[in-house]
């Protein structure tokens, strides 16, 4: 069993909370189990991550990252569809 440093655990929590990626993906990218990451989140998540107006900005940032990822996926699908239909035209 690998013993991770406190800094590694805190950085993993920061990435999980701010990246907008699914926790399973973050855990896989870091080479740890999903349940391990979940335990670190419970242990290291600040009780007052941000306060007041900062909290609103953090929520808006998270929402915009998700929206941005969805829009990129939609754009990629449309690009592929355009290429597909362009090949069929004589």
PDB file of N, CA and C in Angstrom:
ATOM      1  N   UNK A   1       0.841  -1.175   0.000  1.00  0.00           N
ATOM      2  CA  UNK A   1       0.000   0.000   0.000  1.00  0.00           C
ATOM      3  C   UNK A   1       0.888   1.240   0.000  1.00  0.00           C
ATOM      4  N   UNK A   2       0.581   2.189  -0.881  1.00  0.00           N
ATOM      5  CA  UNK A   2       1.365   3.406  -1.008  1.00  0.00           C
ATOM      6  C   UNK A   2       0.870   4.424   0.016  1.00  0.00           C
ATOM      7  N   UNK A   3       1.800   5.012   0.719  1.00  0.00           N
ATOM      8  CA  UNK A   3       1.471   6.057   1.681  1.00  0.00           C
ATOM      9  C   UNK A   3       1.670   7.397   0.986  1.00  0.00           C
ATOM     10  N   UNK A   4       0.580   8.140   0.792  1.00  0.00           N
ATOM     11  CA  UNK A   4       0.653   9.432   0.119  1.00  0.00           C
ATOM     12  C   UNK A   4       0.883  10.533   1.135  1.00  0.00           C
ATOM     13  N   UNK A   5       1.610  11.566   0.706  1.00  0.00           N
ATOM     14  CA  UNK A   5       1.894  12.690   1.592  1.00  0.00           C
ATOM     15  C   UNK A   5       0.636  13.527   1.805  1.00  0.00           C
ATOM     16  N   UNK A   6       0.653  14.308   2.859  1.00  0.00           N
ATOM     17  CA  UNK A   6      -0.478  15.193   3.150  1.00  0.00           C
ATOM     18  C   UNK A   6      -0.677  16.193   2.012  1.00  0.00           C
ATOM     19  N   UNK A   7       0.415  16.675   1.430  1.00  0.00           N
ATOM     20  CA  UNK A   7       0.326  17.632   0.323  1.00  0.00           C
ATOM     21  C   UNK A   7      -0.356  17.002  -0.883  1.00  0.00           C
ATOM     22  N   UNK A   8      -0.005  15.738  -1.156  1.00  0.00           N
ATOM     23  CA  UNK A   8      -0.626  15.034  -2.279  1.00  0.00           C
ATOM     24  C   UNK A   8      -2.132  14.906  -2.062  1.00  0.00           C
ATOM     25  N   UNK A   9      -2.506  14.537  -0.843  1.00  0.00           N
ATOM     26  CA  UNK A   9      -3.929  14.370  -0.532  1.00  0.00           C
ATOM     27  C   UNK A   9      -4.676  15.689  -0.663  1.00  0.00           C
ATOM     28  N   UNK A  10      -4.089  16.767  -0.141  1.00  0.00           N
ATOM     29  CA  UNK A  10      -4.738  18.073  -0.222  1.00  0.00           C
ATOM     30  C   UNK A  10      -4.854  18.544  -1.664  1.00  0.00           C
ATOM     31  N   UNK A  11      -3.839  18.292  -2.469  1.00  0.00           N
ATOM     32  CA  UNK A  11      -3.881  18.661  -3.880  1.00  0.00           C
ATOM     33  C   UNK A  11      -4.929  17.835  -4.625  1.00  0.00           C
ATOM     34  N   UNK A  12      -5.042  16.559  -4.284  1.00  0.00           N
ATOM     35  CA  UNK A  12      -6.062  15.706  -4.896  1.00  0.00           C
ATOM     36  C   UNK A  12      -7.458  16.238  -4.580  1.00  0.00           C
ATOM     37  N   UNK A  13      -7.666  16.668  -3.345  1.00  0.00           N
ATOM     38  CA  UNK A  13      -8.962  17.236  -2.952  1.00  0.00           C
ATOM     39  C   UNK A  13      -9.224  18.510  -3.728  1.00  0.00           C
ATOM     40  N   UNK A  14      -8.212  19.365  -3.858  1.00  0.00           N
ATOM     41  CA  UNK A  14      -8.383  20.618  -4.599  1.00  0.00           C
ATOM     42  C   UNK A  14      -8.759  20.331  -6.053  1.00  0.00           C
ATOM     43  N   UNK A  15      -8.081  19.380  -6.661  1.00  0.00           N
ATOM     44  CA  UNK A  15      -8.377  19.026  -8.056  1.00  0.00           C
ATOM     45  C   UNK A  15      -9.796  18.480  -8.174  1.00  0.00           C
ATOM     46  N   UNK A  16     -10.177  17.601  -7.261  1.00  0.00           N
ATOM     47  CA  UNK A  16     -11.515  17.006  -7.311  1.00  0.00           C
ATOM     48  C   UNK A  16     -12.602  18.064  -7.162  1.00  0.00           C
ATOM     49  N   UNK A  17     -12.351  19.085  -6.360  1.00  0.00           N
ATOM     50  CA  UNK A  17     -13.365  20.102  -6.109  1.00  0.00           C
ATOM     51  C   UNK A  17     -13.412  21.175  -7.180  1.00  0.00           C
ATOM     52  N   UNK A  18     -12.310  21.413  -7.876  1.00  0.00           N
ATOM     53  CA  UNK A  18     -12.267  22.548  -8.794  1.00  0.00           C
ATOM     54  C   UNK A  18     -12.177  22.185 -10.267  1.00  0.00           C
ATOM     55  N   UNK A  19     -11.866  20.936 -10.588  1.00  0.00           N
ATOM     56  CA  UNK A  19     -11.631  20.591 -11.988  1.00  0.00           C
ATOM     57  C   UNK A  19     -12.905  20.460 -12.815  1.00  0.00           C
ATOM     58  N   UNK A  20     -14.019  20.133 -12.165  1.00  0.00           N
ATOM     59  CA  UNK A  20     -15.246  19.901 -12.912  1.00  0.00           C
ATOM     60  C   UNK A  20     -15.326  18.504 -13.502  1.00  0.00           C
ATOM     61  N   UNK A  21     -14.320  17.696 -13.260  1.00  0.00           N
ATOM     62  CA  UNK A  21     -14.311  16.319 -13.762  1.00  0.00           C
ATOM     63  C   UNK A  21     -15.008  15.401 -12.767  1.00  0.00           C
ATOM     64  N   UNK A  22     -15.538  14.279 -13.247  1.00  0.00           N
ATOM     65  CA  UNK A  22     -16.133  13.308 -12.327  1.00  0.00           C
ATOM     66  C   UNK A  22     -15.076  12.785 -11.354  1.00  0.00           C
ATOM     67  N   UNK A  23     -15.501  12.485 -10.146  1.00  0.00           N
ATOM     68  CA  UNK A  23     -14.558  12.033  -9.120  1.00  0.00           C
ATOM     69  C   UNK A  23     -13.862  10.740  -9.537  1.00  0.00           C
ATOM     70  N   UNK A  24     -14.571   9.862 -10.234  1.00  0.00           N
ATOM     71  CA  UNK A  24     -13.958   8.606 -10.682  1.00  0.00           C
ATOM     72  C   UNK A  24     -12.799   8.900 -11.639  1.00  0.00           C
ATOM     73  N   UNK A  25     -12.976   9.875 -12.508  1.00  0.00           N
ATOM     74  CA  UNK A  25     -11.923  10.252 -13.460  1.00  0.00           C
ATOM     75  C   UNK A  25     -10.725  10.840 -12.737  1.00  0.00           C
ATOM     76  N   UNK A  26     -10.977  11.726 -11.772  1.00  0.00           N
ATOM     77  CA  UNK A  26      -9.884  12.329 -11.004  1.00  0.00           C
ATOM     78  C   UNK A  26      -9.114  11.248 -10.264  1.00  0.00           C
ATOM     79  N   UNK A  27      -9.844  10.334  -9.629  1.00  0.00           N
ATOM     80  CA  UNK A  27      -9.199   9.252  -8.889  1.00  0.00           C
ATOM     81  C   UNK A  27      -8.342   8.402  -9.825  1.00  0.00           C
ATOM     82  N   UNK A  28      -8.873   8.050 -10.988  1.00  0.00           N
ATOM     83  CA  UNK A  28      -8.121   7.234 -11.944  1.00  0.00           C
ATOM     84  C   UNK A  28      -6.883   7.978 -12.436  1.00  0.00           C
ATOM     85  N   UNK A  29      -7.028   9.275 -12.721  1.00  0.00           N
ATOM     86  CA  UNK A  29      -5.887  10.065 -13.189  1.00  0.00           C
ATOM     87  C   UNK A  29      -4.782  10.140 -12.138  1.00  0.00           C
ATOM     88  N   UNK A  30      -5.175  10.177 -10.877  1.00  0.00           N
ATOM     89  CA  UNK A  30      -4.196  10.268  -9.795  1.00  0.00           C
ATOM     90  C   UNK A  30      -3.675   8.905  -9.361  1.00  0.00           C
ATOM     91  N   UNK A  31      -4.295   7.836  -9.852  1.00  0.00           N
ATOM     92  CA  UNK A  31      -3.852   6.496  -9.506  1.00  0.00           C
ATOM     93  C   UNK A  31      -4.276   6.047  -8.117  1.00  0.00           C
ATOM     94  N   UNK A  32      -5.425   6.559  -7.670  1.00  0.00           N
ATOM     95  CA  UNK A  32      -5.966   6.144  -6.374  1.00  0.00           C
ATOM     96  C   UNK A  32      -7.383   5.634  -6.585  1.00  0.00           C
ATOM     97  N   UNK A  33      -7.909   4.933  -5.614  1.00  0.00           N
ATOM     98  CA  UNK A  33      -9.268   4.434  -5.707  1.00  0.00           C
ATOM     99  C   UNK A  33     -10.287   5.540  -5.479  1.00  0.00           C
ATOM    100  N   UNK A  34     -11.469   5.344  -6.036  1.00  0.00           N
ATOM    101  CA  UNK A  34     -12.536   6.331  -5.874  1.00  0.00           C
ATOM    102  C   UNK A  34     -12.916   6.490  -4.400  1.00  0.00           C
ATOM    103  N   UNK A  35     -12.945   5.371  -3.666  1.00  0.00           N
ATOM    104  CA  UNK A  35     -13.284   5.453  -2.247  1.00  0.00           C
ATOM    105  C   UNK A  35     -12.188   6.151  -1.455  1.00  0.00           C
ATOM    106  N   UNK A  36     -10.937   5.988  -1.871  1.00  0.00           N
ATOM    107  CA  UNK A  36      -9.828   6.682  -1.210  1.00  0.00           C
ATOM    108  C   UNK A  36      -9.965   8.185  -1.407  1.00  0.00           C
ATOM    109  N   UNK A  37     -10.265   8.592  -2.637  1.00  0.00           N
ATOM    110  CA  UNK A  37     -10.463  10.014  -2.908  1.00  0.00           C
ATOM    111  C   UNK A  37     -11.645  10.544  -2.100  1.00  0.00           C
ATOM    112  N   UNK A  38     -12.701   9.765  -2.009  1.00  0.00           N
ATOM    113  CA  UNK A  38     -13.862  10.173  -1.219  1.00  0.00           C
ATOM    114  C   UNK A  38     -13.516  10.372   0.246  1.00  0.00           C
ATOM    115  N   UNK A  39     -12.674   9.492   0.781  1.00  0.00           N
ATOM    116  CA  UNK A  39     -12.244   9.636   2.176  1.00  0.00           C
ATOM    117  C   UNK A  39     -11.414  10.893   2.341  1.00  0.00           C
ATOM    118  N   UNK A  40     -10.520  11.157   1.400  1.00  0.00           N
ATOM    119  CA  UNK A  40      -9.712  12.371   1.473  1.00  0.00           C
ATOM    120  C   UNK A  40     -10.586  13.614   1.391  1.00  0.00           C
ATOM    121  N   UNK A  41     -11.620  13.553   0.563  1.00  0.00           N
ATOM    122  CA  UNK A  41     -12.529  14.699   0.464  1.00  0.00           C
ATOM    123  C   UNK A  41     -13.200  14.964   1.808  1.00  0.00           C
ATOM    124  N   UNK A  42     -13.606  13.897   2.469  1.00  0.00           N
ATOM    125  CA  UNK A  42     -14.246  14.059   3.777  1.00  0.00           C
ATOM    126  C   UNK A  42     -13.250  14.578   4.812  1.00  0.00           C
ATOM    127  N   UNK A  43     -11.997  14.131   4.733  1.00  0.00           N
ATOM    128  CA  UNK A  43     -10.993  14.515   5.716  1.00  0.00           C
ATOM    129  C   UNK A  43     -10.412  15.903   5.486  1.00  0.00           C
ATOM    130  N   UNK A  44     -10.196  16.266   4.227  1.00  0.00           N
ATOM    131  CA  UNK A  44      -9.436  17.476   3.922  1.00  0.00           C
ATOM    132  C   UNK A  44     -10.271  18.627   3.384  1.00  0.00           C
ATOM    133  N   UNK A  45     -11.532  18.391   3.088  1.00  0.00           N
ATOM    134  CA  UNK A  45     -12.351  19.476   2.557  1.00  0.00           C
ATOM    135  C   UNK A  45     -12.504  20.540   3.638  1.00  0.00           C
ATOM    136  N   UNK A  46     -12.140  21.759   3.300  1.00  0.00           N
ATOM    137  CA  UNK A  46     -12.318  22.824   4.293  1.00  0.00           C
ATOM    138  C   UNK A  46     -13.800  22.997   4.602  1.00  0.00           C
ATOM    139  N   UNK A  47     -14.110  23.204   5.869  1.00  0.00           N
ATOM    140  CA  UNK A  47     -15.514  23.375   6.233  1.00  0.00           C
ATOM    141  C   UNK A  47     -16.061  24.653   5.634  1.00  0.00           C
ATOM    142  N   UNK A  48     -15.222  25.659   5.534  1.00  0.00           N
ATOM    143  CA  UNK A  48     -15.631  26.919   4.919  1.00  0.00           C
ATOM    144  C   UNK A  48     -14.725  27.155   3.717  1.00  0.00           C
ATOM    145  N   UNK A  49     -14.994  26.417   2.639  1.00  0.00           N
ATOM    146  CA  UNK A  49     -14.148  26.461   1.456  1.00  0.00           C
ATOM    147  C   UNK A  49     -13.945  27.896   0.988  1.00  0.00           C
ATOM    148  N   UNK A  50     -15.013  28.585   0.802  1.00  0.00           N
ATOM    149  CA  UNK A  50     -15.000  30.012   0.482  1.00  0.00           C
ATOM    150  C   UNK A  50     -16.239  30.611   1.105  1.00  0.00           C
ATOM    151  N   UNK A  51     -16.185  31.882   1.375  1.00  0.00           N
ATOM    152  CA  UNK A  51     -17.326  32.492   2.028  1.00  0.00           C
ATOM    153  C   UNK A  51     -17.846  33.685   1.243  1.00  0.00           C
ATOM    154  N   UNK A  52     -19.101  34.028   1.506  1.00  0.00           N
ATOM    155  CA  UNK A  52     -19.725  35.218   0.925  1.00  0.00           C
ATOM    156  C   UNK A  52     -19.722  35.217  -0.582  1.00  0.00           C
ATOM    157  N   UNK A  53     -19.320  36.368  -1.151  1.00  0.00           N
ATOM    158  CA  UNK A  53     -19.324  36.511  -2.612  1.00  0.00           C
ATOM    159  C   UNK A  53     -18.387  35.516  -3.292  1.00  0.00           C
ATOM    160  N   UNK A  54     -17.344  35.102  -2.594  1.00  0.00           N
ATOM    161  CA  UNK A  54     -16.419  34.122  -3.160  1.00  0.00           C
ATOM    162  C   UNK A  54     -17.115  32.794  -3.435  1.00  0.00           C
ATOM    163  N   UNK A  55     -18.053  32.429  -2.571  1.00  0.00           N
ATOM    164  CA  UNK A  55     -18.790  31.178  -2.755  1.00  0.00           C
ATOM    165  C   UNK A  55     -19.610  31.231  -4.034  1.00  0.00           C
ATOM    166  N   UNK A  56     -20.240  32.382  -4.283  1.00  0.00           N
ATOM    167  CA  UNK A  56     -21.016  32.545  -5.509  1.00  0.00           C
ATOM    168  C   UNK A  56     -20.123  32.435  -6.736  1.00  0.00           C
ATOM    169  N   UNK A  57     -18.932  33.028  -6.654  1.00  0.00           N
ATOM    170  CA  UNK A  57     -17.997  32.951  -7.779  1.00  0.00           C
ATOM    171  C   UNK A  57     -17.518  31.526  -8.013  1.00  0.00           C
ATOM    172  N   UNK A  58     -17.281  30.792  -6.940  1.00  0.00           N
ATOM    173  CA  UNK A  58     -16.835  29.407  -7.079  1.00  0.00           C
ATOM    174  C   UNK A  58     -17.930  28.553  -7.721  1.00  0.00           C
ATOM    175  N   UNK A  59     -19.167  28.741  -7.313  1.00  0.00           N
ATOM    176  CA  UNK A  59     -20.283  27.992  -7.910  1.00  0.00           C
ATOM    177  C   UNK A  59     -20.461  28.351  -9.377  1.00  0.00           C
ATOM    178  N   UNK A  60     -20.370  29.634  -9.686  1.00  0.00           N
ATOM    179  CA  UNK A  60     -20.501  30.081 -11.073  1.00  0.00           C
ATOM    180  C   UNK A  60     -19.365  29.517 -11.925  1.00  0.00           C
ATOM    181  N   UNK A  61     -18.168  29.504 -11.386  1.00  0.00           N
ATOM    182  CA  UNK A  61     -17.018  28.956 -12.093  1.00  0.00           C
ATOM    183  C   UNK A  61     -17.224  27.473 -12.393  1.00  0.00           C
ATOM    184  N   UNK A  62     -17.697  26.732 -11.422  1.00  0.00           N
ATOM    185  CA  UNK A  62     -17.956  25.306 -11.611  1.00  0.00           C
ATOM    186  C   UNK A  62     -19.031  25.091 -12.679  1.00  0.00           C
ATOM    187  N   UNK A  63     -20.094  25.898 -12.628  1.00  0.00           N
ATOM    188  CA  UNK A  63     -21.167  25.784 -13.607  1.00  0.00           C
ATOM    189  C   UNK A  63     -20.658  26.100 -15.015  1.00  0.00           C
ATOM    190  N   UNK A  64     -19.836  27.130 -15.134  1.00  0.00           N
ATOM    191  CA  UNK A  64     -19.310  27.516 -16.441  1.00  0.00           C
ATOM    192  C   UNK A  64     -18.348  26.475 -17.005  1.00  0.00           C
ATOM    193  N   UNK A  65     -17.573  25.831 -16.145  1.00  0.00           N
ATOM    194  CA  UNK A  65     -16.684  24.765 -16.618  1.00  0.00           C
ATOM    195  C   UNK A  65     -17.490  23.601 -17.181  1.00  0.00           C
ATOM    196  N   UNK A  66     -18.555  23.241 -16.489  1.00  0.00           N
ATOM    197  CA  UNK A  66     -19.411  22.161 -16.966  1.00  0.00           C
ATOM    198  C   UNK A  66     -20.050  22.542 -18.301  1.00  0.00           C
ATOM    199  N   UNK A  67     -20.575  23.767 -18.375  1.00  0.00           N
ATOM    200  CA  UNK A  67     -21.203  24.238 -19.611  1.00  0.00           C
ATOM    201  C   UNK A  67     -20.186  24.266 -20.754  1.00  0.00           C
ATOM    202  N   UNK A  68     -18.973  24.705 -20.466  1.00  0.00           N
ATOM    203  CA  UNK A  68     -17.927  24.760 -21.474  1.00  0.00           C
ATOM    204  C   UNK A  68     -17.598  23.371 -21.999  1.00  0.00           C
ATOM    205  N   UNK A  69     -17.499  22.389 -21.096  1.00  0.00           N
ATOM    206  CA  UNK A  69     -17.200  21.016 -21.513  1.00  0.00           C
ATOM    207  C   UNK A  69     -18.315  20.472 -22.402  1.00  0.00           C
ATOM    208  N   UNK A  70     -19.567  20.745 -22.043  1.00  0.00           N
ATOM    209  CA  UNK A  70     -20.699  20.273 -22.845  1.00  0.00           C
ATOM    210  C   UNK A  70     -20.684  20.921 -24.226  1.00  0.00           C
ATOM    211  N   UNK A  71     -20.426  22.219 -24.268  1.00  0.00           N
ATOM    212  CA  UNK A  71     -20.389  22.920 -25.556  1.00  0.00           C
ATOM    213  C   UNK A  71     -19.267  22.401 -26.456  1.00  0.00           C
ATOM    214  N   UNK A  72     -18.124  22.080 -25.878  1.00  0.00           N
ATOM    215  CA  UNK A  72     -17.026  21.526 -26.670  1.00  0.00           C
ATOM    216  C   UNK A  72     -17.416  20.172 -27.255  1.00  0.00           C
ATOM    217  N   UNK A  73     -18.088  19.349 -26.453  1.00  0.00           N
ATOM    218  CA  UNK A  73     -18.530  18.040 -26.946  1.00  0.00           C
ATOM    219  C   UNK A  73     -19.540  18.214 -28.075  1.00  0.00           C
ATOM    220  N   UNK A  74     -20.470  19.149 -27.914  1.00  0.00           N
ATOM    221  CA  UNK A  74     -21.458  19.389 -28.966  1.00  0.00           C
ATOM    222  C   UNK A  74     -20.789  19.891 -30.239  1.00  0.00           C
ATOM    223  N   UNK A  75     -19.816  20.785 -30.093  1.00  0.00           N
ATOM    224  CA  UNK A  75     -19.090  21.303 -31.254  1.00  0.00           C
ATOM    225  C   UNK A  75     -18.377  20.183 -31.987  1.00  0.00           C
ATOM    226  N   UNK A  76     -17.735  19.287 -31.241  1.00  0.00           N
ATOM    227  CA  UNK A  76     -17.021  18.179 -31.862  1.00  0.00           C
ATOM    228  C   UNK A  76     -17.973  17.264 -32.628  1.00  0.00           C
ATOM    229  N   UNK A  77     -19.150  17.022 -32.069  1.00  0.00           N
ATOM    230  CA  UNK A  77     -20.147  16.194 -32.745  1.00  0.00           C
ATOM    231  C   UNK A  77     -20.585  16.861 -34.045  1.00  0.00           C
ATOM    232  N   UNK A  78     -20.819  18.171 -33.997  1.00  0.00           N
ATOM    233  CA  UNK A  78     -21.232  18.888 -35.208  1.00  0.00           C
ATOM    234  C   UNK A  78     -20.127  18.890 -36.260  1.00  0.00           C
ATOM    235  N   UNK A  79     -18.877  19.010 -35.845  1.00  0.00           N
ATOM    236  CA  UNK A  79     -17.766  18.949 -36.804  1.00  0.00           C
ATOM    237  C   UNK A  79     -17.739  17.605 -37.518  1.00  0.00           C
ATOM    238  N   UNK A  80     -17.911  16.531 -36.743  1.00  0.00           N
ATOM    239  CA  UNK A  80     -17.901  15.193 -37.330  1.00  0.00           C
ATOM    240  C   UNK A  80     -19.083  15.001 -38.271  1.00  0.00           C
ATOM    241  N   UNK A  81     -20.244  15.523 -37.894  1.00  0.00           N
ATOM    242  CA  UNK A  81     -21.421  15.401 -38.751  1.00  0.00           C
ATOM    243  C   UNK A  81     -21.212  16.175 -40.049  1.00  0.00           C
ATOM    244  N   UNK A  82     -20.616  17.349 -39.952  1.00  0.00           N
ATOM    245  CA  UNK A  82     -20.349  18.162 -41.146  1.00  0.00           C
ATOM    246  C   UNK A  82     -19.414  17.425 -42.079  1.00  0.00           C
ATOM    247  N   UNK A  83     -18.379  16.819 -41.561  1.00  0.00           N
ATOM    248  CA  UNK A  83     -17.438  16.065 -42.379  1.00  0.00           C
ATOM    249  C   UNK A  83     -18.111  14.858 -43.017  1.00  0.00           C
ATOM    250  N   UNK A  84     -18.985  14.190 -42.265  1.00  0.00           N
ATOM    251  CA  UNK A  84     -19.679  13.027 -42.781  1.00  0.00           C
ATOM    252  C   UNK A  84     -20.563  13.402 -43.954  1.00  0.00           C
ATOM    253  N   UNK A  85     -21.359  14.451 -43.788  1.00  0.00           N
ATOM    254  CA  UNK A  85     -22.285  14.845 -44.840  1.00  0.00           C
ATOM    255  C   UNK A  85     -21.566  15.498 -46.023  1.00  0.00           C
ATOM    256  N   UNK A  86     -20.412  16.097 -45.802  1.00  0.00           N
ATOM    257  CA  UNK A  86     -19.655  16.684 -46.900  1.00  0.00           C
ATOM    258  C   UNK A  86     -19.105  15.601 -47.811  1.00  0.00           C
ATOM    259  N   UNK A  87     -18.800  14.432 -47.266  1.00  0.00           N
ATOM    260  CA  UNK A  87     -18.278  13.322 -48.059  1.00  0.00           C
ATOM    261  C   UNK A  87     -19.362  12.740 -48.965  1.00  0.00           C
ATOM    262  N   UNK A  88     -20.613  12.818 -48.552  1.00  0.00           N
ATOM    263  CA  UNK A  88     -21.705  12.213 -49.316  1.00  0.00           C
ATOM    264  C   UNK A  88     -22.146  13.060 -50.494  1.00  0.00           C
ATOM    265  N   UNK A  89     -21.802  14.345 -50.492  1.00  0.00           N
ATOM    266  CA  UNK A  89     -22.225  15.211 -51.599  1.00  0.00           C
ATOM    267  C   UNK A  89     -21.363  14.949 -52.826  1.00  0.00           C
ATOM    268  N   UNK A  90     -21.986  14.883 -54.019  1.00  0.00           N
ATOM    269  CA  UNK A  90     -21.199  14.640 -55.248  1.00  0.00           C
ATOM    270  C   UNK A  90     -20.464  15.864 -55.705  1.00  0.00           C
TER     271      UNK A  90
END
